[in-house]
């Protein structure tokens, strides 16, 4: 159980780093934010790549499972940062995506 929580936390941190790395350039481009937003964005994307490398499974499996966590974290970002409350359908979709992540990452594998 502790390993599953660590894995979920690592996926969550990875998703936040990616979202920040993409959100800041979006602010710069779409909301005419200051140019220096690109500097922390580059750092966040670098952190994102490094965090992906810490996952214990094969890269393809990690990328597939990560997508489920990304969906859930993006909806949390939508609510907390953008101020848009996710709908019941958004939450249901995130739950399905997280179930898919759990199946991919927690399935028994031959040693």
PDB file of N, CA and C in Angstrom:
ATOM      1  N   UNK A   1       0.828  -1.200   0.000  1.00  0.00           N
ATOM      2  CA  UNK A   1       0.000   0.000   0.000  1.00  0.00           C
ATOM      3  C   UNK A   1       0.866   1.255   0.000  1.00  0.00           C
ATOM      4  N   UNK A   2       1.953   1.227   0.779  1.00  0.00           N
ATOM      5  CA  UNK A   2       2.850   2.379   0.826  1.00  0.00           C
ATOM      6  C   UNK A   2       3.487   2.630  -0.531  1.00  0.00           C
ATOM      7  N   UNK A   3       3.850   1.556  -1.233  1.00  0.00           N
ATOM      8  CA  UNK A   3       4.429   1.716  -2.570  1.00  0.00           C
ATOM      9  C   UNK A   3       3.433   2.351  -3.533  1.00  0.00           C
ATOM     10  N   UNK A   4       2.166   1.965  -3.419  1.00  0.00           N
ATOM     11  CA  UNK A   4       1.126   2.542  -4.273  1.00  0.00           C
ATOM     12  C   UNK A   4       0.961   4.031  -3.988  1.00  0.00           C
ATOM     13  N   UNK A   5       1.013   4.414  -2.721  1.00  0.00           N
ATOM     14  CA  UNK A   5       0.900   5.838  -2.367  1.00  0.00           C
ATOM     15  C   UNK A   5       2.104   6.629  -2.872  1.00  0.00           C
ATOM     16  N   UNK A   6       3.297   6.056  -2.746  1.00  0.00           N
ATOM     17  CA  UNK A   6       4.500   6.716  -3.262  1.00  0.00           C
ATOM     18  C   UNK A   6       4.406   6.891  -4.775  1.00  0.00           C
ATOM     19  N   UNK A   7       3.924   5.857  -5.449  1.00  0.00           N
ATOM     20  CA  UNK A   7       3.777   5.912  -6.901  1.00  0.00           C
ATOM     21  C   UNK A   7       2.779   6.991  -7.302  1.00  0.00           C
ATOM     22  N   UNK A   8       1.657   7.046  -6.599  1.00  0.00           N
ATOM     23  CA  UNK A   8       0.648   8.060  -6.901  1.00  0.00           C
ATOM     24  C   UNK A   8       1.182   9.463  -6.630  1.00  0.00           C
ATOM     25  N   UNK A   9       1.924   9.638  -5.557  1.00  0.00           N
ATOM     26  CA  UNK A   9       2.523  10.934  -5.252  1.00  0.00           C
ATOM     27  C   UNK A   9       3.527  11.329  -6.334  1.00  0.00           C
ATOM     28  N   UNK A  10       4.351  10.387  -6.773  1.00  0.00           N
ATOM     29  CA  UNK A  10       5.322  10.680  -7.822  1.00  0.00           C
ATOM     30  C   UNK A  10       4.617  11.059  -9.114  1.00  0.00           C
ATOM     31  N   UNK A  11       3.564  10.323  -9.465  1.00  0.00           N
ATOM     32  CA  UNK A  11       2.779  10.676 -10.649  1.00  0.00           C
ATOM     33  C   UNK A  11       2.153  12.066 -10.486  1.00  0.00           C
ATOM     34  N   UNK A  12       1.627  12.370  -9.300  1.00  0.00           N
ATOM     35  CA  UNK A  12       1.011  13.679  -9.061  1.00  0.00           C
ATOM     36  C   UNK A  12       2.008  14.816  -9.198  1.00  0.00           C
ATOM     37  N   UNK A  13       3.189  14.652  -8.621  1.00  0.00           N
ATOM     38  CA  UNK A  13       4.240  15.677  -8.756  1.00  0.00           C
ATOM     39  C   UNK A  13       4.657  15.850 -10.210  1.00  0.00           C
ATOM     40  N   UNK A  14       4.752  14.728 -10.916  1.00  0.00           N
ATOM     41  CA  UNK A  14       5.109  14.772 -12.334  1.00  0.00           C
ATOM     42  C   UNK A  14       4.066  15.567 -13.113  1.00  0.00           C
ATOM     43  N   UNK A  15       2.795  15.322 -12.829  1.00  0.00           N
ATOM     44  CA  UNK A  15       1.714  16.021 -13.531  1.00  0.00           C
ATOM     45  C   UNK A  15       1.718  17.517 -13.225  1.00  0.00           C
ATOM     46  N   UNK A  16       1.928  17.870 -11.961  1.00  0.00           N
ATOM     47  CA  UNK A  16       1.965  19.300 -11.605  1.00  0.00           C
ATOM     48  C   UNK A  16       3.119  19.992 -12.321  1.00  0.00           C
ATOM     49  N   UNK A  17       4.271  19.342 -12.380  1.00  0.00           N
ATOM     50  CA  UNK A  17       5.421  19.947 -13.078  1.00  0.00           C
ATOM     51  C   UNK A  17       5.098  20.162 -14.555  1.00  0.00           C
ATOM     52  N   UNK A  18       4.451  19.185 -15.182  1.00  0.00           N
ATOM     53  CA  UNK A  18       4.108  19.351 -16.600  1.00  0.00           C
ATOM     54  C   UNK A  18       3.072  20.454 -16.791  1.00  0.00           C
ATOM     55  N   UNK A  19       2.067  20.473 -15.952  1.00  0.00           N
ATOM     56  CA  UNK A  19       1.018  21.485 -16.095  1.00  0.00           C
ATOM     57  C   UNK A  19       1.584  22.884 -15.885  1.00  0.00           C
ATOM     58  N   UNK A  20       2.414  23.071 -14.865  1.00  0.00           N
ATOM     59  CA  UNK A  20       3.037  24.383 -14.642  1.00  0.00           C
ATOM     60  C   UNK A  20       3.904  24.755 -15.844  1.00  0.00           C
ATOM     61  N   UNK A  21       4.656  23.785 -16.363  1.00  0.00           N
ATOM     62  CA  UNK A  21       5.527  24.039 -17.499  1.00  0.00           C
ATOM     63  C   UNK A  21       4.774  24.427 -18.761  1.00  0.00           C
ATOM     64  N   UNK A  22       3.532  24.006 -18.864  1.00  0.00           N
ATOM     65  CA  UNK A  22       2.708  24.369 -20.020  1.00  0.00           C
ATOM     66  C   UNK A  22       1.814  25.577 -19.738  1.00  0.00           C
ATOM     67  N   UNK A  23       1.398  25.731 -18.504  1.00  0.00           N
ATOM     68  CA  UNK A  23       0.488  26.824 -18.146  1.00  0.00           C
ATOM     69  C   UNK A  23       1.176  28.188 -18.214  1.00  0.00           C
ATOM     70  N   UNK A  24       2.411  28.263 -17.751  1.00  0.00           N
ATOM     71  CA  UNK A  24       3.111  29.555 -17.747  1.00  0.00           C
ATOM     72  C   UNK A  24       3.335  30.107 -19.155  1.00  0.00           C
ATOM     73  N   UNK A  25       3.782  29.297 -20.130  1.00  0.00           N
ATOM     74  CA  UNK A  25       3.864  29.831 -21.501  1.00  0.00           C
ATOM     75  C   UNK A  25       2.492  30.208 -22.056  1.00  0.00           C
ATOM     76  N   UNK A  26       1.464  29.465 -21.651  1.00  0.00           N
ATOM     77  CA  UNK A  26       0.111  29.808 -22.081  1.00  0.00           C
ATOM     78  C   UNK A  26      -0.261  31.197 -21.558  1.00  0.00           C
ATOM     79  N   UNK A  27       0.063  31.465 -20.280  1.00  0.00           N
ATOM     80  CA  UNK A  27      -0.200  32.803 -19.731  1.00  0.00           C
ATOM     81  C   UNK A  27       0.550  33.867 -20.525  1.00  0.00           C
ATOM     82  N   UNK A  28       1.787  33.568 -20.873  1.00  0.00           N
ATOM     83  CA  UNK A  28       2.607  34.514 -21.625  1.00  0.00           C
ATOM     84  C   UNK A  28       2.014  34.772 -23.006  1.00  0.00           C
ATOM     85  N   UNK A  29       1.591  33.705 -23.678  1.00  0.00           N
ATOM     86  CA  UNK A  29       1.076  33.848 -25.039  1.00  0.00           C
ATOM     87  C   UNK A  29      -0.357  34.375 -25.100  1.00  0.00           C
ATOM     88  N   UNK A  30      -1.231  33.822 -24.284  1.00  0.00           N
ATOM     89  CA  UNK A  30      -2.654  34.129 -24.389  1.00  0.00           C
ATOM     90  C   UNK A  30      -3.108  35.282 -23.511  1.00  0.00           C
ATOM     91  N   UNK A  31      -2.454  35.443 -22.391  1.00  0.00           N
ATOM     92  CA  UNK A  31      -2.874  36.486 -21.447  1.00  0.00           C
ATOM     93  C   UNK A  31      -1.876  37.639 -21.397  1.00  0.00           C
ATOM     94  N   UNK A  32      -0.927  37.609 -22.314  1.00  0.00           N
ATOM     95  CA  UNK A  32       0.094  38.650 -22.410  1.00  0.00           C
ATOM     96  C   UNK A  32       0.843  38.833 -21.090  1.00  0.00           C
ATOM     97  N   UNK A  33       1.232  37.719 -20.513  1.00  0.00           N
ATOM     98  CA  UNK A  33       2.023  37.745 -19.285  1.00  0.00           C
ATOM     99  C   UNK A  33       3.452  38.169 -19.590  1.00  0.00           C
ATOM    100  N   UNK A  34       4.237  38.424 -18.567  1.00  0.00           N
ATOM    101  CA  UNK A  34       5.617  38.851 -18.771  1.00  0.00           C
ATOM    102  C   UNK A  34       6.480  37.717 -19.356  1.00  0.00           C
ATOM    103  N   UNK A  35       7.503  38.088 -20.083  1.00  0.00           N
ATOM    104  CA  UNK A  35       8.375  37.116 -20.750  1.00  0.00           C
ATOM    105  C   UNK A  35       9.079  36.183 -19.768  1.00  0.00           C
ATOM    106  N   UNK A  36       9.338  36.664 -18.568  1.00  0.00           N
ATOM    107  CA  UNK A  36      10.102  35.866 -17.612  1.00  0.00           C
ATOM    108  C   UNK A  36       9.336  34.640 -17.127  1.00  0.00           C
ATOM    109  N   UNK A  37       8.040  34.550 -17.441  1.00  0.00           N
ATOM    110  CA  UNK A  37       7.292  33.336 -17.110  1.00  0.00           C
ATOM    111  C   UNK A  37       7.869  32.110 -17.816  1.00  0.00           C
ATOM    112  N   UNK A  38       8.588  32.355 -18.903  1.00  0.00           N
ATOM    113  CA  UNK A  38       9.182  31.239 -19.643  1.00  0.00           C
ATOM    114  C   UNK A  38      10.311  30.571 -18.867  1.00  0.00           C
ATOM    115  N   UNK A  39      10.960  31.300 -17.977  1.00  0.00           N
ATOM    116  CA  UNK A  39      12.065  30.722 -17.201  1.00  0.00           C
ATOM    117  C   UNK A  39      11.576  29.663 -16.202  1.00  0.00           C
ATOM    118  N   UNK A  40      10.606  29.967 -15.340  1.00  0.00           N
ATOM    119  CA  UNK A  40      10.116  28.903 -14.470  1.00  0.00           C
ATOM    120  C   UNK A  40       9.406  27.789 -15.252  1.00  0.00           C
ATOM    121  N   UNK A  41       8.833  28.136 -16.404  1.00  0.00           N
ATOM    122  CA  UNK A  41       8.214  27.103 -17.241  1.00  0.00           C
ATOM    123  C   UNK A  41       9.263  26.099 -17.707  1.00  0.00           C
ATOM    124  N   UNK A  42      10.410  26.597 -18.149  1.00  0.00           N
ATOM    125  CA  UNK A  42      11.484  25.704 -18.590  1.00  0.00           C
ATOM    126  C   UNK A  42      11.985  24.852 -17.425  1.00  0.00           C
ATOM    127  N   UNK A  43      12.098  25.438 -16.258  1.00  0.00           N
ATOM    128  CA  UNK A  43      12.511  24.669 -15.076  1.00  0.00           C
ATOM    129  C   UNK A  43      11.472  23.597 -14.721  1.00  0.00           C
ATOM    130  N   UNK A  44      10.207  23.945 -14.811  1.00  0.00           N
ATOM    131  CA  UNK A  44       9.150  22.988 -14.498  1.00  0.00           C
ATOM    132  C   UNK A  44       9.158  21.827 -15.489  1.00  0.00           C
ATOM    133  N   UNK A  45       9.371  22.108 -16.768  1.00  0.00           N
ATOM    134  CA  UNK A  45       9.413  21.035 -17.751  1.00  0.00           C
ATOM    135  C   UNK A  45      10.649  20.162 -17.580  1.00  0.00           C
ATOM    136  N   UNK A  46      11.747  20.775 -17.158  1.00  0.00           N
ATOM    137  CA  UNK A  46      12.946  19.990 -16.847  1.00  0.00           C
ATOM    138  C   UNK A  46      12.674  19.077 -15.659  1.00  0.00           C
ATOM    139  N   UNK A  47      12.012  19.597 -14.643  1.00  0.00           N
ATOM    140  CA  UNK A  47      11.631  18.797 -13.482  1.00  0.00           C
ATOM    141  C   UNK A  47      10.695  17.665 -13.901  1.00  0.00           C
ATOM    142  N   UNK A  48       9.767  17.963 -14.781  1.00  0.00           N
ATOM    143  CA  UNK A  48       8.832  16.960 -15.297  1.00  0.00           C
ATOM    144  C   UNK A  48       9.580  15.782 -15.924  1.00  0.00           C
ATOM    145  N   UNK A  49      10.533  16.079 -16.777  1.00  0.00           N
ATOM    146  CA  UNK A  49      11.301  15.020 -17.444  1.00  0.00           C
ATOM    147  C   UNK A  49      12.094  14.211 -16.422  1.00  0.00           C
ATOM    148  N   UNK A  50      12.704  14.890 -15.470  1.00  0.00           N
ATOM    149  CA  UNK A  50      13.484  14.199 -14.446  1.00  0.00           C
ATOM    150  C   UNK A  50      12.581  13.297 -13.603  1.00  0.00           C
ATOM    151  N   UNK A  51      11.413  13.813 -13.206  1.00  0.00           N
ATOM    152  CA  UNK A  51      10.486  13.012 -12.415  1.00  0.00           C
ATOM    153  C   UNK A  51      10.013  11.780 -13.181  1.00  0.00           C
ATOM    154  N   UNK A  52       9.780  11.923 -14.486  1.00  0.00           N
ATOM    155  CA  UNK A  52       9.393  10.756 -15.280  1.00  0.00           C
ATOM    156  C   UNK A  52      10.471   9.681 -15.230  1.00  0.00           C
ATOM    157  N   UNK A  53      11.729  10.103 -15.168  1.00  0.00           N
ATOM    158  CA  UNK A  53      12.824   9.131 -15.155  1.00  0.00           C
ATOM    159  C   UNK A  53      12.909   8.374 -13.828  1.00  0.00           C
ATOM    160  N   UNK A  54      12.245   8.856 -12.782  1.00  0.00           N
ATOM    161  CA  UNK A  54      12.287   8.201 -11.476  1.00  0.00           C
ATOM    162  C   UNK A  54      11.291   7.057 -11.334  1.00  0.00           C
ATOM    163  N   UNK A  55      10.365   6.949 -12.249  1.00  0.00           N
ATOM    164  CA  UNK A  55       9.356   5.901 -12.166  1.00  0.00           C
ATOM    165  C   UNK A  55      10.003   4.539 -12.393  1.00  0.00           C
ATOM    166  N   UNK A  56       9.601   3.534 -11.619  1.00  0.00           N
ATOM    167  CA  UNK A  56      10.287   2.252 -11.656  1.00  0.00           C
ATOM    168  C   UNK A  56       9.948   1.351 -12.839  1.00  0.00           C
ATOM    169  N   UNK A  57       8.853   1.575 -13.507  1.00  0.00           N
ATOM    170  CA  UNK A  57       8.422   0.685 -14.587  1.00  0.00           C
ATOM    171  C   UNK A  57       9.031   1.098 -15.923  1.00  0.00           C
ATOM    172  N   UNK A  58       8.824   0.247 -16.924  1.00  0.00           N
ATOM    173  CA  UNK A  58       9.292   0.542 -18.285  1.00  0.00           C
ATOM    174  C   UNK A  58       8.654   1.842 -18.770  1.00  0.00           C
ATOM    175  N   UNK A  59       9.395   2.583 -19.565  1.00  0.00           N
ATOM    176  CA  UNK A  59       8.965   3.921 -19.982  1.00  0.00           C
ATOM    177  C   UNK A  59       7.580   3.916 -20.624  1.00  0.00           C
ATOM    178  N   UNK A  60       7.313   3.016 -21.542  1.00  0.00           N
ATOM    179  CA  UNK A  60       6.009   2.985 -22.212  1.00  0.00           C
ATOM    180  C   UNK A  60       4.868   2.761 -21.241  1.00  0.00           C
ATOM    181  N   UNK A  61       5.074   1.897 -20.259  1.00  0.00           N
ATOM    182  CA  UNK A  61       4.052   1.635 -19.245  1.00  0.00           C
ATOM    183  C   UNK A  61       3.845   2.877 -18.375  1.00  0.00           C
ATOM    184  N   UNK A  62       4.930   3.529 -18.022  1.00  0.00           N
ATOM    185  CA  UNK A  62       4.830   4.744 -17.211  1.00  0.00           C
ATOM    186  C   UNK A  62       4.063   5.819 -17.961  1.00  0.00           C
ATOM    187  N   UNK A  63       4.377   6.021 -19.237  1.00  0.00           N
ATOM    188  CA  UNK A  63       3.688   7.062 -20.010  1.00  0.00           C
ATOM    189  C   UNK A  63       2.200   6.760 -20.122  1.00  0.00           C
ATOM    190  N   UNK A  64       1.856   5.476 -20.330  1.00  0.00           N
ATOM    191  CA  UNK A  64       0.444   5.102 -20.449  1.00  0.00           C
ATOM    192  C   UNK A  64      -0.293   5.356 -19.135  1.00  0.00           C
ATOM    193  N   UNK A  65       0.294   4.931 -18.032  1.00  0.00           N
ATOM    194  CA  UNK A  65      -0.354   5.108 -16.732  1.00  0.00           C
ATOM    195  C   UNK A  65      -0.374   6.572 -16.313  1.00  0.00           C
ATOM    196  N   UNK A  66       0.672   7.296 -16.632  1.00  0.00           N
ATOM    197  CA  UNK A  66       0.764   8.708 -16.273  1.00  0.00           C
ATOM    198  C   UNK A  66      -0.411   9.501 -16.842  1.00  0.00           C
ATOM    199  N   UNK A  67      -0.853   9.118 -18.011  1.00  0.00           N
ATOM    200  CA  UNK A  67      -1.970   9.827 -18.632  1.00  0.00           C
ATOM    201  C   UNK A  67      -3.197   9.880 -17.742  1.00  0.00           C
ATOM    202  N   UNK A  68      -3.467   8.795 -17.025  1.00  0.00           N
ATOM    203  CA  UNK A  68      -4.622   8.770 -16.124  1.00  0.00           C
ATOM    204  C   UNK A  68      -4.488   9.754 -14.980  1.00  0.00           C
ATOM    205  N   UNK A  69      -3.307   9.812 -14.403  1.00  0.00           N
ATOM    206  CA  UNK A  69      -3.078  10.749 -13.303  1.00  0.00           C
ATOM    207  C   UNK A  69      -3.106  12.183 -13.824  1.00  0.00           C
ATOM    208  N   UNK A  70      -2.550  12.405 -15.013  1.00  0.00           N
ATOM    209  CA  UNK A  70      -2.548  13.740 -15.608  1.00  0.00           C
ATOM    210  C   UNK A  70      -3.978  14.266 -15.746  1.00  0.00           C
ATOM    211  N   UNK A  71      -4.890  13.416 -16.191  1.00  0.00           N
ATOM    212  CA  UNK A  71      -6.288  13.823 -16.356  1.00  0.00           C
ATOM    213  C   UNK A  71      -6.850  14.324 -15.025  1.00  0.00           C
ATOM    214  N   UNK A  72      -6.633  13.567 -13.958  1.00  0.00           N
ATOM    215  CA  UNK A  72      -7.164  13.943 -12.650  1.00  0.00           C
ATOM    216  C   UNK A  72      -6.525  15.237 -12.132  1.00  0.00           C
ATOM    217  N   UNK A  73      -5.209  15.360 -12.277  1.00  0.00           N
ATOM    218  CA  UNK A  73      -4.523  16.562 -11.794  1.00  0.00           C
ATOM    219  C   UNK A  73      -4.925  17.781 -12.627  1.00  0.00           C
ATOM    220  N   UNK A  74      -5.114  17.598 -13.929  1.00  0.00           N
ATOM    221  CA  UNK A  74      -5.540  18.716 -14.782  1.00  0.00           C
ATOM    222  C   UNK A  74      -6.919  19.225 -14.365  1.00  0.00           C
ATOM    223  N   UNK A  75      -7.809  18.320 -13.982  1.00  0.00           N
ATOM    224  CA  UNK A  75      -9.132  18.757 -13.511  1.00  0.00           C
ATOM    225  C   UNK A  75      -9.041  19.452 -12.159  1.00  0.00           C
ATOM    226  N   UNK A  76      -8.151  18.993 -11.317  1.00  0.00           N
ATOM    227  CA  UNK A  76      -7.916  19.684 -10.048  1.00  0.00           C
ATOM    228  C   UNK A  76      -7.371  21.090 -10.308  1.00  0.00           C
ATOM    229  N   UNK A  77      -6.450  21.209 -11.268  1.00  0.00           N
ATOM    230  CA  UNK A  77      -5.901  22.508 -11.671  1.00  0.00           C
ATOM    231  C   UNK A  77      -7.030  23.404 -12.193  1.00  0.00           C
ATOM    232  N   UNK A  78      -7.910  22.836 -13.018  1.00  0.00           N
ATOM    233  CA  UNK A  78      -9.050  23.581 -13.555  1.00  0.00           C
ATOM    234  C   UNK A  78      -9.852  24.215 -12.425  1.00  0.00           C
ATOM    235  N   UNK A  79     -10.046  23.460 -11.366  1.00  0.00           N
ATOM    236  CA  UNK A  79     -10.844  23.927 -10.242  1.00  0.00           C
ATOM    237  C   UNK A  79     -10.077  24.927  -9.386  1.00  0.00           C
ATOM    238  N   UNK A  80      -8.845  24.586  -8.980  1.00  0.00           N
ATOM    239  CA  UNK A  80      -8.102  25.416  -8.032  1.00  0.00           C
ATOM    240  C   UNK A  80      -7.474  26.659  -8.653  1.00  0.00           C
ATOM    241  N   UNK A  81      -7.003  26.557  -9.888  1.00  0.00           N
ATOM    242  CA  UNK A  81      -6.294  27.681 -10.517  1.00  0.00           C
ATOM    243  C   UNK A  81      -7.211  28.476 -11.438  1.00  0.00           C
ATOM    244  N   UNK A  82      -7.944  27.774 -12.299  1.00  0.00           N
ATOM    245  CA  UNK A  82      -8.815  28.467 -13.250  1.00  0.00           C
ATOM    246  C   UNK A  82     -10.158  28.860 -12.658  1.00  0.00           C
ATOM    247  N   UNK A  83     -10.481  28.296 -11.488  1.00  0.00           N
ATOM    248  CA  UNK A  83     -11.734  28.644 -10.831  1.00  0.00           C
ATOM    249  C   UNK A  83     -12.969  28.054 -11.478  1.00  0.00           C
ATOM    250  N   UNK A  84     -12.807  26.976 -12.252  1.00  0.00           N
ATOM    251  CA  UNK A  84     -13.935  26.312 -12.902  1.00  0.00           C
ATOM    252  C   UNK A  84     -14.154  24.971 -12.212  1.00  0.00           C
ATOM    253  N   UNK A  85     -15.303  24.806 -11.631  1.00  0.00           N
ATOM    254  CA  UNK A  85     -15.588  23.562 -10.918  1.00  0.00           C
ATOM    255  C   UNK A  85     -15.848  22.443 -11.924  1.00  0.00           C
ATOM    256  N   UNK A  86     -15.121  21.323 -11.807  1.00  0.00           N
ATOM    257  CA  UNK A  86     -15.351  20.192 -12.713  1.00  0.00           C
ATOM    258  C   UNK A  86     -16.767  19.635 -12.552  1.00  0.00           C
ATOM    259  N   UNK A  87     -17.320  19.176 -13.654  1.00  0.00           N
ATOM    260  CA  UNK A  87     -18.667  18.598 -13.615  1.00  0.00           C
ATOM    261  C   UNK A  87     -18.594  17.158 -13.096  1.00  0.00           C
ATOM    262  N   UNK A  88     -19.753  16.596 -12.866  1.00  0.00           N
ATOM    263  CA  UNK A  88     -19.830  15.195 -12.465  1.00  0.00           C
ATOM    264  C   UNK A  88     -19.212  14.322 -13.553  1.00  0.00           C
ATOM    265  N   UNK A  89     -19.412  14.684 -14.804  1.00  0.00           N
ATOM    266  CA  UNK A  89     -18.857  13.917 -15.923  1.00  0.00           C
ATOM    267  C   UNK A  89     -17.337  14.028 -15.953  1.00  0.00           C
ATOM    268  N   UNK A  90     -16.834  15.193 -15.631  1.00  0.00           N
ATOM    269  CA  UNK A  90     -15.376  15.349 -15.528  1.00  0.00           C
ATOM    270  C   UNK A  90     -14.821  14.418 -14.457  1.00  0.00           C
ATOM    271  N   UNK A  91     -15.487  14.399 -13.308  1.00  0.00           N
ATOM    272  CA  UNK A  91     -15.023  13.569 -12.196  1.00  0.00           C
ATOM    273  C   UNK A  91     -15.128  12.078 -12.537  1.00  0.00           C
ATOM    274  N   UNK A  92     -16.205  11.707 -13.212  1.00  0.00           N
ATOM    275  CA  UNK A  92     -16.353  10.304 -13.615  1.00  0.00           C
ATOM    276  C   UNK A  92     -15.244   9.907 -14.587  1.00  0.00           C
ATOM    277  N   UNK A  93     -14.941  10.779 -15.526  1.00  0.00           N
ATOM    278  CA  UNK A  93     -13.859  10.501 -16.469  1.00  0.00           C
ATOM    279  C   UNK A  93     -12.522  10.371 -15.773  1.00  0.00           C
ATOM    280  N   UNK A  94     -12.267  11.234 -14.797  1.00  0.00           N
ATOM    281  CA  UNK A  94     -11.023  11.157 -14.036  1.00  0.00           C
ATOM    282  C   UNK A  94     -10.956   9.852 -13.243  1.00  0.00           C
ATOM    283  N   UNK A  95     -12.073   9.428 -12.682  1.00  0.00           N
ATOM    284  CA  UNK A  95     -12.105   8.170 -11.931  1.00  0.00           C
ATOM    285  C   UNK A  95     -11.789   6.985 -12.843  1.00  0.00           C
ATOM    286  N   UNK A  96     -12.356   6.987 -14.032  1.00  0.00           N
ATOM    287  CA  UNK A  96     -12.066   5.921 -14.995  1.00  0.00           C
ATOM    288  C   UNK A  96     -10.589   5.942 -15.376  1.00  0.00           C
ATOM    289  N   UNK A  97     -10.047   7.137 -15.619  1.00  0.00           N
ATOM    290  CA  UNK A  97      -8.631   7.266 -15.987  1.00  0.00           C
ATOM    291  C   UNK A  97      -7.729   6.770 -14.853  1.00  0.00           C
ATOM    292  N   UNK A  98      -8.074   7.098 -13.606  1.00  0.00           N
ATOM    293  CA  UNK A  98      -7.278   6.629 -12.460  1.00  0.00           C
ATOM    294  C   UNK A  98      -7.384   5.120 -12.278  1.00  0.00           C
ATOM    295  N   UNK A  99      -8.542   4.556 -12.556  1.00  0.00           N
ATOM    296  CA  UNK A  99      -8.674   3.088 -12.505  1.00  0.00           C
ATOM    297  C   UNK A  99      -7.768   2.451 -13.559  1.00  0.00           C
ATOM    298  N   UNK A 100      -7.721   3.042 -14.735  1.00  0.00           N
ATOM    299  CA  UNK A 100      -6.823   2.541 -15.781  1.00  0.00           C
ATOM    300  C   UNK A 100      -5.373   2.621 -15.349  1.00  0.00           C
ATOM    301  N   UNK A 101      -4.983   3.716 -14.724  1.00  0.00           N
ATOM    302  CA  UNK A 101      -3.618   3.867 -14.223  1.00  0.00           C
ATOM    303  C   UNK A 101      -3.302   2.787 -13.204  1.00  0.00           C
ATOM    304  N   UNK A 102      -4.233   2.545 -12.295  1.00  0.00           N
ATOM    305  CA  UNK A 102      -4.003   1.543 -11.246  1.00  0.00           C
ATOM    306  C   UNK A 102      -3.854   0.149 -11.848  1.00  0.00           C
ATOM    307  N   UNK A 103      -4.679  -0.178 -12.827  1.00  0.00           N
ATOM    308  CA  UNK A 103      -4.574  -1.483 -13.481  1.00  0.00           C
ATOM    309  C   UNK A 103      -3.208  -1.635 -14.146  1.00  0.00           C
ATOM    310  N   UNK A 104      -2.773  -0.611 -14.857  1.00  0.00           N
ATOM    311  CA  UNK A 104      -1.489  -0.676 -15.563  1.00  0.00           C
ATOM    312  C   UNK A 104      -0.330  -0.795 -14.591  1.00  0.00           C
ATOM    313  N   UNK A 105      -0.302   0.023 -13.561  1.00  0.00           N
ATOM    314  CA  UNK A 105       0.866   0.089 -12.693  1.00  0.00           C
ATOM    315  C   UNK A 105       0.881  -0.943 -11.575  1.00  0.00           C
ATOM    316  N   UNK A 106      -0.268  -1.399 -11.128  1.00  0.00           N
ATOM    317  CA  UNK A 106      -0.310  -2.277  -9.966  1.00  0.00           C
ATOM    318  C   UNK A 106      -0.563  -3.742 -10.320  1.00  0.00           C
ATOM    319  N   UNK A 107      -0.697  -4.044 -11.588  1.00  0.00           N
ATOM    320  CA  UNK A 107      -0.912  -5.435 -11.997  1.00  0.00           C
ATOM    321  C   UNK A 107       0.311  -6.282 -11.648  1.00  0.00           C
ATOM    322  N   UNK A 108       0.082  -7.514 -11.232  1.00  0.00           N
ATOM    323  CA  UNK A 108       1.226  -8.384 -10.936  1.00  0.00           C
ATOM    324  C   UNK A 108       2.031  -8.653 -12.212  1.00  0.00           C
ATOM    325  N   UNK A 109       3.336  -8.669 -12.071  1.00  0.00           N
ATOM    326  CA  UNK A 109       4.229  -8.896 -13.203  1.00  0.00           C
ATOM    327  C   UNK A 109       5.206 -10.000 -12.834  1.00  0.00           C
ATOM    328  N   UNK A 110       5.591 -10.814 -13.816  1.00  0.00           N
ATOM    329  CA  UNK A 110       6.628 -11.831 -13.531  1.00  0.00           C
ATOM    330  C   UNK A 110       7.948 -11.162 -13.188  1.00  0.00           C
ATOM    331  N   UNK A 111       8.643 -11.736 -12.246  1.00  0.00           N
ATOM    332  CA  UNK A 111       9.921 -11.158 -11.795  1.00  0.00           C
ATOM    333  C   UNK A 111      11.052 -11.589 -12.663  1.00  0.00           C
TER     334      UNK A 111
END
